Amino acid sequence: MNKVLIVTAVEAEKAAVECGLDNNSRFEVIVGGVGLAEAAVSTAFSLSHSTFSTVISAGIGGGFENKADVESLVVASDIRAVDMGSETQTGFLSLEELDLGTSKYDCDITYVEKWRKQIETFGVDVQTGSIVTTTTTTGTVQTAHKLLQRVPEAKAEAMEGFGVAAAARRVSVPVYEMRAISNVVGPRERNEWKIKEALAVLEKASRTIQEVF
């Protein structure tokens, strides 16, 4: 039996995913904690105690303006640590440019497309693209534009995906990410966030996981 590990940041996301999966025992859903480091440690711990065929980072996140609408869903084509690198007088240098490692993990496009099509059948507005992991969530238009300059393909922003991906790839397990969009990346207008609605989208999209993985 192929077991799938699904890592969320908080309990509300875990509950939405489990509800969508109807508590199918083939899937282990954990609360990995908020942020890249917590997610990486939690994922690595789970992978060291059991064998999984696939790992998925799942939750809600921000959508870049005119890239991913609030209450839509993004399935990652790749997962990137967008602010991991070095600031210089001439601009930002990525880990690749510094020859210090990788800041991008690609997802298997065959499964990404299959998953996207399956989610569409549930009436969810879904698209694929880069999901960027930040250590500090964006709070200004200027920072949002700066991130898009680094990764023009970015559709969504979250804080855990790259940590989950790093742990999974260390033991050669395929990794994926999906984010239900609760807010626009930019100025932090918390009163305008659609968290309840995004969790409902996450639950609906989670119904498709057992059909794909």
C-alpha atoms as a PDB file:
ATOM      1  CA  MET A   1       0.000   0.000   0.000  1.00  0.00           C
ATOM      2  CA  ASN A   2       1.391   3.395  -1.031  1.00  0.00           C
ATOM      3  CA  LYS A   3       1.341   5.718   1.959  1.00  0.00           C
ATOM      4  CA  VAL A   4       1.238   9.473   1.422  1.00  0.00           C
ATOM      5  CA  LEU A   5       2.457  12.053   3.932  1.00  0.00           C
ATOM      6  CA  ILE A   6       0.642  15.390   3.898  1.00  0.00           C
ATOM      7  CA  VAL A   7       2.192  18.254   5.847  1.00  0.00           C
ATOM      8  CA  THR A   8       0.160  21.289   6.912  1.00  0.00           C
ATOM      9  CA  ALA A   9       1.248  24.267   8.986  1.00  0.00           C
ATOM     10  CA  VAL A  10      -1.676  24.551  11.409  1.00  0.00           C
ATOM     11  CA  GLU A  11      -4.516  22.471  12.813  1.00  0.00           C
ATOM     12  CA  ALA A  12      -7.264  24.134  10.729  1.00  0.00           C
ATOM     13  CA  GLU A  13      -5.490  23.110   7.512  1.00  0.00           C
ATOM     14  CA  LYS A  14      -5.034  19.558   8.801  1.00  0.00           C
ATOM     15  CA  ALA A  15      -8.735  19.318   9.626  1.00  0.00           C
ATOM     16  CA  ALA A  16      -9.726  20.529   6.145  1.00  0.00           C
ATOM     17  CA  VAL A  17      -7.431  18.032   4.425  1.00  0.00           C
ATOM     18  CA  GLU A  18      -8.562  15.117   6.591  1.00  0.00           C
ATOM     19  CA  CYS A  19     -12.195  15.983   5.965  1.00  0.00           C
ATOM     20  CA  GLY A  20     -11.572  16.023   2.225  1.00  0.00           C
ATOM     21  CA  LEU A  21      -9.852  12.636   2.433  1.00  0.00           C
ATOM     22  CA  ASP A  22     -12.663  11.245   4.585  1.00  0.00           C
ATOM     23  CA  ASN A  23      -9.971  10.105   7.048  1.00  0.00           C
ATOM     24  CA  ASN A  24      -8.540   7.544   4.585  1.00  0.00           C
ATOM     25  CA  SER A  25      -5.878   5.611   6.523  1.00  0.00           C
ATOM     26  CA  ARG A  26      -3.547   5.507   3.509  1.00  0.00           C
ATOM     27  CA  PHE A  27      -2.816   9.189   4.162  1.00  0.00           C
ATOM     28  CA  GLU A  28      -0.991  10.523   7.199  1.00  0.00           C
ATOM     29  CA  VAL A  29      -1.732  14.214   7.760  1.00  0.00           C
ATOM     30  CA  ILE A  30       0.449  16.096  10.228  1.00  0.00           C
ATOM     31  CA  VAL A  31       0.713  19.617  11.593  1.00  0.00           C
ATOM     32  CA  GLY A  32       4.310  20.430  10.743  1.00  0.00           C
ATOM     33  CA  GLY A  33       4.370  23.931  12.194  1.00  0.00           C
ATOM     34  CA  VAL A  34       4.724  27.387  10.682  1.00  0.00           C
ATOM     35  CA  GLY A  35       7.778  28.252   8.630  1.00  0.00           C
ATOM     36  CA  LEU A  36      10.411  26.513   6.541  1.00  0.00           C
ATOM     37  CA  ALA A  37      12.476  25.171   9.450  1.00  0.00           C
ATOM     38  CA  GLU A  38       9.566  23.693  11.420  1.00  0.00           C
ATOM     39  CA  ALA A  39       8.145  22.113   8.271  1.00  0.00           C
ATOM     40  CA  ALA A  40      11.485  20.569   7.307  1.00  0.00           C
ATOM     41  CA  VAL A  41      12.107  19.098  10.767  1.00  0.00           C
ATOM     42  CA  SER A  42       8.582  17.701  11.077  1.00  0.00           C
ATOM     43  CA  THR A  43       8.692  16.177   7.602  1.00  0.00           C
ATOM     44  CA  ALA A  44      12.115  14.630   8.177  1.00  0.00           C
ATOM     45  CA  PHE A  45      10.941  13.184  11.508  1.00  0.00           C
ATOM     46  CA  SER A  46       7.914  11.520   9.885  1.00  0.00           C
ATOM     47  CA  LEU A  47      10.000  10.188   6.991  1.00  0.00           C
ATOM     48  CA  SER A  48      12.478   8.661   9.439  1.00  0.00           C
ATOM     49  CA  HIS A  49       9.735   6.704  11.204  1.00  0.00           C
ATOM     50  CA  SER A  50       7.714   5.398   8.263  1.00  0.00           C
ATOM     51  CA  THR A  51       7.955   4.762   4.531  1.00  0.00           C
ATOM     52  CA  PHE A  52       5.990   7.057   2.218  1.00  0.00           C
ATOM     53  CA  SER A  53       5.676   7.023  -1.568  1.00  0.00           C
ATOM     54  CA  THR A  54       4.807  10.733  -1.816  1.00  0.00           C
ATOM     55  CA  VAL A  55       4.946  13.874   0.308  1.00  0.00           C
ATOM     56  CA  ILE A  56       2.569  16.830  -0.139  1.00  0.00           C
ATOM     57  CA  SER A  57       2.748  20.289   1.420  1.00  0.00           C
ATOM     58  CA  ALA A  58      -0.844  21.521   1.706  1.00  0.00           C
ATOM     59  CA  GLY A  59      -2.523  24.582   3.119  1.00  0.00           C
ATOM     60  CA  ILE A  60      -3.682  28.104   2.413  1.00  0.00           C
ATOM     61  CA  GLY A  61      -1.507  30.946   1.162  1.00  0.00           C
ATOM     62  CA  GLY A  62      -1.320  34.254  -0.646  1.00  0.00           C
ATOM     63  CA  GLY A  63      -1.884  34.655  -4.364  1.00  0.00           C
ATOM     64  CA  PHE A  64       0.063  37.166  -6.435  1.00  0.00           C
ATOM     65  CA  GLU A  65      -2.150  39.865  -7.941  1.00  0.00           C
ATOM     66  CA  ASN A  66      -3.410  39.007 -11.439  1.00  0.00           C
ATOM     67  CA  LYS A  67      -1.778  35.579 -11.054  1.00  0.00           C
ATOM     68  CA  ALA A  68      -4.043  33.645  -8.670  1.00  0.00           C
ATOM     69  CA  ASP A  69      -7.403  34.865  -7.416  1.00  0.00           C
ATOM     70  CA  VAL A  70      -8.634  34.642  -3.843  1.00  0.00           C
ATOM     71  CA  GLU A  71     -10.628  31.402  -3.325  1.00  0.00           C
ATOM     72  CA  SER A  72      -8.771  29.698  -6.185  1.00  0.00           C
ATOM     73  CA  LEU A  73      -6.156  26.950  -5.877  1.00  0.00           C
ATOM     74  CA  VAL A  74      -2.564  26.642  -7.075  1.00  0.00           C
ATOM     75  CA  VAL A  75      -0.786  23.331  -7.597  1.00  0.00           C
ATOM     76  CA  ALA A  76       2.978  23.808  -7.690  1.00  0.00           C
ATOM     77  CA  SER A  77       4.909  23.103 -10.857  1.00  0.00           C
ATOM     78  CA  ASP A  78       7.975  23.880  -8.744  1.00  0.00           C
ATOM     79  CA  ILE A  79       8.685  24.897  -5.152  1.00  0.00           C
ATOM     80  CA  ARG A  80      11.161  27.724  -4.526  1.00  0.00           C
ATOM     81  CA  ALA A  81      12.889  29.351  -1.574  1.00  0.00           C
ATOM     82  CA  VAL A  82      12.574  32.793  -3.088  1.00  0.00           C
ATOM     83  CA  ASP A  83      14.437  34.761  -0.411  1.00  0.00           C
ATOM     84  CA  MET A  84      17.207  32.271   0.308  1.00  0.00           C
ATOM     85  CA  GLY A  85      20.431  33.733  -1.026  1.00  0.00           C
ATOM     86  CA  SER A  86      22.479  36.884  -0.651  1.00  0.00           C
ATOM     87  CA  GLU A  87      21.716  40.574  -0.953  1.00  0.00           C
ATOM     88  CA  THR A  88      24.378  42.527  -2.831  1.00  0.00           C
ATOM     89  CA  GLN A  89      24.832  46.123  -3.957  1.00  0.00           C
ATOM     90  CA  THR A  90      23.767  45.102  -7.454  1.00  0.00           C
ATOM     91  CA  GLY A  91      20.824  42.924  -6.462  1.00  0.00           C
ATOM     92  CA  PHE A  92      19.798  39.551  -5.074  1.00  0.00           C
ATOM     93  CA  LEU A  93      21.843  36.410  -5.736  1.00  0.00           C
ATOM     94  CA  SER A  94      20.232  32.987  -5.424  1.00  0.00           C
ATOM     95  CA  LEU A  95      21.912  29.911  -3.955  1.00  0.00           C
ATOM     96  CA  GLU A  96      22.520  28.683  -7.494  1.00  0.00           C
ATOM     97  CA  GLU A  97      24.242  31.931  -8.459  1.00  0.00           C
ATOM     98  CA  LEU A  98      26.349  31.699  -5.296  1.00  0.00           C
ATOM     99  CA  ASP A  99      27.165  28.049  -6.059  1.00  0.00           C
ATOM    100  CA  LEU A 100      25.913  27.098  -2.600  1.00  0.00           C
ATOM    101  CA  GLY A 101      23.085  24.702  -3.415  1.00  0.00           C
ATOM    102  CA  THR A 102      19.552  24.753  -4.787  1.00  0.00           C
ATOM    103  CA  SER A 103      16.587  26.990  -4.094  1.00  0.00           C
ATOM    104  CA  LYS A 104      14.168  25.159  -6.423  1.00  0.00           C
ATOM    105  CA  TYR A 105      12.574  21.736  -6.485  1.00  0.00           C
ATOM    106  CA  ASP A 106      10.622  20.678  -9.573  1.00  0.00           C
ATOM    107  CA  CYS A 107       7.457  18.618  -9.245  1.00  0.00           C
ATOM    108  CA  ASP A 108       6.658  15.742 -11.617  1.00  0.00           C
ATOM    109  CA  ILE A 109       4.626  17.530 -14.295  1.00  0.00           C
ATOM    110  CA  THR A 110       2.727  14.353 -15.225  1.00  0.00           C
ATOM    111  CA  TYR A 111       1.212  14.131 -11.758  1.00  0.00           C
ATOM    112  CA  VAL A 112       0.806  17.906 -11.506  1.00  0.00           C
ATOM    113  CA  GLU A 113      -1.333  18.003 -14.653  1.00  0.00           C
ATOM    114  CA  LYS A 114      -3.293  14.911 -13.684  1.00  0.00           C
ATOM    115  CA  TRP A 115      -3.992  16.467 -10.297  1.00  0.00           C
ATOM    116  CA  ARG A 116      -4.998  19.818 -11.803  1.00  0.00           C
ATOM    117  CA  LYS A 117      -7.490  18.154 -14.138  1.00  0.00           C
ATOM    118  CA  GLN A 118      -8.946  16.083 -11.312  1.00  0.00           C
ATOM    119  CA  ILE A 119      -9.402  19.190  -9.135  1.00  0.00           C
ATOM    120  CA  GLU A 120     -11.161  20.965 -12.001  1.00  0.00           C
ATOM    121  CA  THR A 121     -13.847  18.268 -12.007  1.00  0.00           C
ATOM    122  CA  PHE A 122     -14.860  19.474  -8.535  1.00  0.00           C
ATOM    123  CA  GLY A 123     -15.548  22.963  -9.847  1.00  0.00           C
ATOM    124  CA  VAL A 124     -12.463  24.535  -8.275  1.00  0.00           C
ATOM    125  CA  ASP A 125     -10.648  27.361 -10.074  1.00  0.00           C
ATOM    126  CA  VAL A 126      -7.190  25.781 -10.247  1.00  0.00           C
ATOM    127  CA  GLN A 127      -3.942  26.479 -12.050  1.00  0.00           C
ATOM    128  CA  THR A 128      -0.319  25.433 -11.885  1.00  0.00           C
ATOM    129  CA  GLY A 129       2.799  27.544 -11.388  1.00  0.00           C
ATOM    130  CA  SER A 130       5.632  28.277  -9.007  1.00  0.00           C
ATOM    131  CA  ILE A 131       4.798  28.422  -5.318  1.00  0.00           C
ATOM    132  CA  VAL A 132       7.424  30.432  -3.474  1.00  0.00           C
ATOM    133  CA  THR A 133       8.441  29.867   0.127  1.00  0.00           C
ATOM    134  CA  THR A 134       9.326  32.966   2.133  1.00  0.00           C
ATOM    135  CA  THR A 135      10.642  33.238   5.673  1.00  0.00           C
ATOM    136  CA  THR A 136       8.708  36.484   6.125  1.00  0.00           C
ATOM    137  CA  THR A 137       5.311  36.864   4.485  1.00  0.00           C
ATOM    138  CA  THR A 138       5.066  39.800   2.118  1.00  0.00           C
ATOM    139  CA  GLY A 139       3.454  42.974   3.455  1.00  0.00           C
ATOM    140  CA  THR A 140       4.057  45.596   0.757  1.00  0.00           C
ATOM    141  CA  VAL A 141       3.452  46.041  -2.944  1.00  0.00           C
ATOM    142  CA  GLN A 142       7.161  46.736  -3.397  1.00  0.00           C
ATOM    143  CA  THR A 143       8.191  43.393  -1.940  1.00  0.00           C
ATOM    144  CA  ALA A 144       5.566  41.559  -3.991  1.00  0.00           C
ATOM    145  CA  HIS A 145       6.957  43.132  -7.162  1.00  0.00           C
ATOM    146  CA  LYS A 146      10.505  42.284  -6.079  1.00  0.00           C
ATOM    147  CA  LEU A 147       9.582  38.618  -5.621  1.00  0.00           C
ATOM    148  CA  LEU A 148       7.927  38.504  -9.026  1.00  0.00           C
ATOM    149  CA  GLN A 149      11.054  39.959 -10.582  1.00  0.00           C
ATOM    150  CA  ARG A 150      13.001  37.040  -9.139  1.00  0.00           C
ATOM    151  CA  VAL A 151      10.376  34.439 -10.065  1.00  0.00           C
ATOM    152  CA  PRO A 152       8.051  35.718 -12.822  1.00  0.00           C
ATOM    153  CA  GLU A 153       6.274  32.334 -12.841  1.00  0.00           C
ATOM    154  CA  ALA A 154       5.243  32.677  -9.182  1.00  0.00           C
ATOM    155  CA  LYS A 155       1.536  32.211  -8.535  1.00  0.00           C
ATOM    156  CA  ALA A 156       1.400  31.813  -4.750  1.00  0.00           C
ATOM    157  CA  GLU A 157       3.380  32.482  -1.587  1.00  0.00           C
ATOM    158  CA  ALA A 158       3.576  30.383   1.575  1.00  0.00           C
ATOM    159  CA  MET A 159       6.083  29.648   4.336  1.00  0.00           C
ATOM    160  CA  GLU A 160       6.540  25.861   4.422  1.00  0.00           C
ATOM    161  CA  GLY A 161       6.765  24.245   0.988  1.00  0.00           C
ATOM    162  CA  PHE A 162      10.505  24.411   0.464  1.00  0.00           C
ATOM    163  CA  GLY A 163      11.177  22.946   3.895  1.00  0.00           C
ATOM    164  CA  VAL A 164       8.882  20.007   3.163  1.00  0.00           C
ATOM    165  CA  ALA A 165      10.483  19.573  -0.247  1.00  0.00           C
ATOM    166  CA  ALA A 166      14.043  19.640   1.111  1.00  0.00           C
ATOM    167  CA  ALA A 167      13.282  16.875   3.606  1.00  0.00           C
ATOM    168  CA  ALA A 168      11.475  14.730   1.034  1.00  0.00           C
ATOM    169  CA  ARG A 169      14.122  15.089  -1.652  1.00  0.00           C
ATOM    170  CA  ARG A 170      16.875  14.185   0.824  1.00  0.00           C
ATOM    171  CA  VAL A 171      15.405  10.664   0.892  1.00  0.00           C
ATOM    172  CA  SER A 172      14.364  10.694  -2.805  1.00  0.00           C
ATOM    173  CA  VAL A 173      10.612  10.862  -2.210  1.00  0.00           C
ATOM    174  CA  PRO A 174       8.560  12.852  -4.764  1.00  0.00           C
ATOM    175  CA  VAL A 175       7.122  16.067  -3.380  1.00  0.00           C
ATOM    176  CA  TYR A 176       4.174  18.282  -4.328  1.00  0.00           C
ATOM    177  CA  GLU A 177       2.454  21.386  -2.983  1.00  0.00           C
ATOM    178  CA  MET A 178      -1.011  22.924  -3.186  1.00  0.00           C
ATOM    179  CA  ARG A 179      -2.260  26.213  -1.806  1.00  0.00           C
ATOM    180  CA  ALA A 180      -5.809  27.499  -1.522  1.00  0.00           C
ATOM    181  CA  ILE A 181      -5.640  31.283  -1.882  1.00  0.00           C
ATOM    182  CA  SER A 182      -6.944  33.288   1.079  1.00  0.00           C
ATOM    183  CA  ASN A 183      -5.472  36.714   0.273  1.00  0.00           C
ATOM    184  CA  VAL A 184      -3.533  38.796  -2.233  1.00  0.00           C
ATOM    185  CA  VAL A 185       0.236  38.961  -1.720  1.00  0.00           C
ATOM    186  CA  GLY A 186       1.045  42.534  -0.709  1.00  0.00           C
ATOM    187  CA  PRO A 187      -0.237  44.945   1.969  1.00  0.00           C
ATOM    188  CA  ARG A 188      -1.414  42.988   5.001  1.00  0.00           C
ATOM    189  CA  GLU A 189      -5.164  43.664   5.041  1.00  0.00           C
ATOM    190  CA  ARG A 190      -6.102  40.880   7.440  1.00  0.00           C
ATOM    191  CA  ASN A 191      -9.760  41.924   7.620  1.00  0.00           C
ATOM    192  CA  GLU A 192     -10.056  41.202   3.890  1.00  0.00           C
ATOM    193  CA  TRP A 193      -8.587  37.701   4.035  1.00  0.00           C
ATOM    194  CA  LYS A 194     -10.914  34.828   3.105  1.00  0.00           C
ATOM    195  CA  ILE A 195      -9.502  32.174   5.410  1.00  0.00           C
ATOM    196  CA  LYS A 196     -12.747  30.258   5.961  1.00  0.00           C
ATOM    197  CA  GLU A 197     -13.432  30.211   2.228  1.00  0.00           C
ATOM    198  CA  ALA A 198      -9.873  29.136   1.410  1.00  0.00           C
ATOM    199  CA  LEU A 199     -10.107  26.262   3.883  1.00  0.00           C
ATOM    200  CA  ALA A 200     -13.307  25.141   2.150  1.00  0.00           C
ATOM    201  CA  VAL A 201     -11.438  25.155  -1.184  1.00  0.00           C
ATOM    202  CA  LEU A 202      -8.594  23.188   0.423  1.00  0.00           C
ATOM    203  CA  GLU A 203     -11.055  20.595   1.700  1.00  0.00           C
ATOM    204  CA  LYS A 204     -12.660  20.235  -1.713  1.00  0.00           C
ATOM    205  CA  ALA A 205      -9.305  19.912  -3.488  1.00  0.00           C
ATOM    206  CA  SER A 206      -8.131  17.330  -0.952  1.00  0.00           C
ATOM    207  CA  ARG A 207     -10.864  14.966  -2.116  1.00  0.00           C
ATOM    208  CA  THR A 208      -8.869  14.456  -5.298  1.00  0.00           C
ATOM    209  CA  ILE A 209      -5.576  13.400  -3.696  1.00  0.00           C
ATOM    210  CA  GLN A 210      -6.565   9.747  -3.334  1.00  0.00           C
ATOM    211  CA  GLU A 211      -7.493   9.649  -7.033  1.00  0.00           C
ATOM    212  CA  VAL A 212      -4.022  10.803  -8.131  1.00  0.00           C
ATOM    213  CA  PHE A 213      -1.447   9.527  -5.629  1.00  0.00           C
END
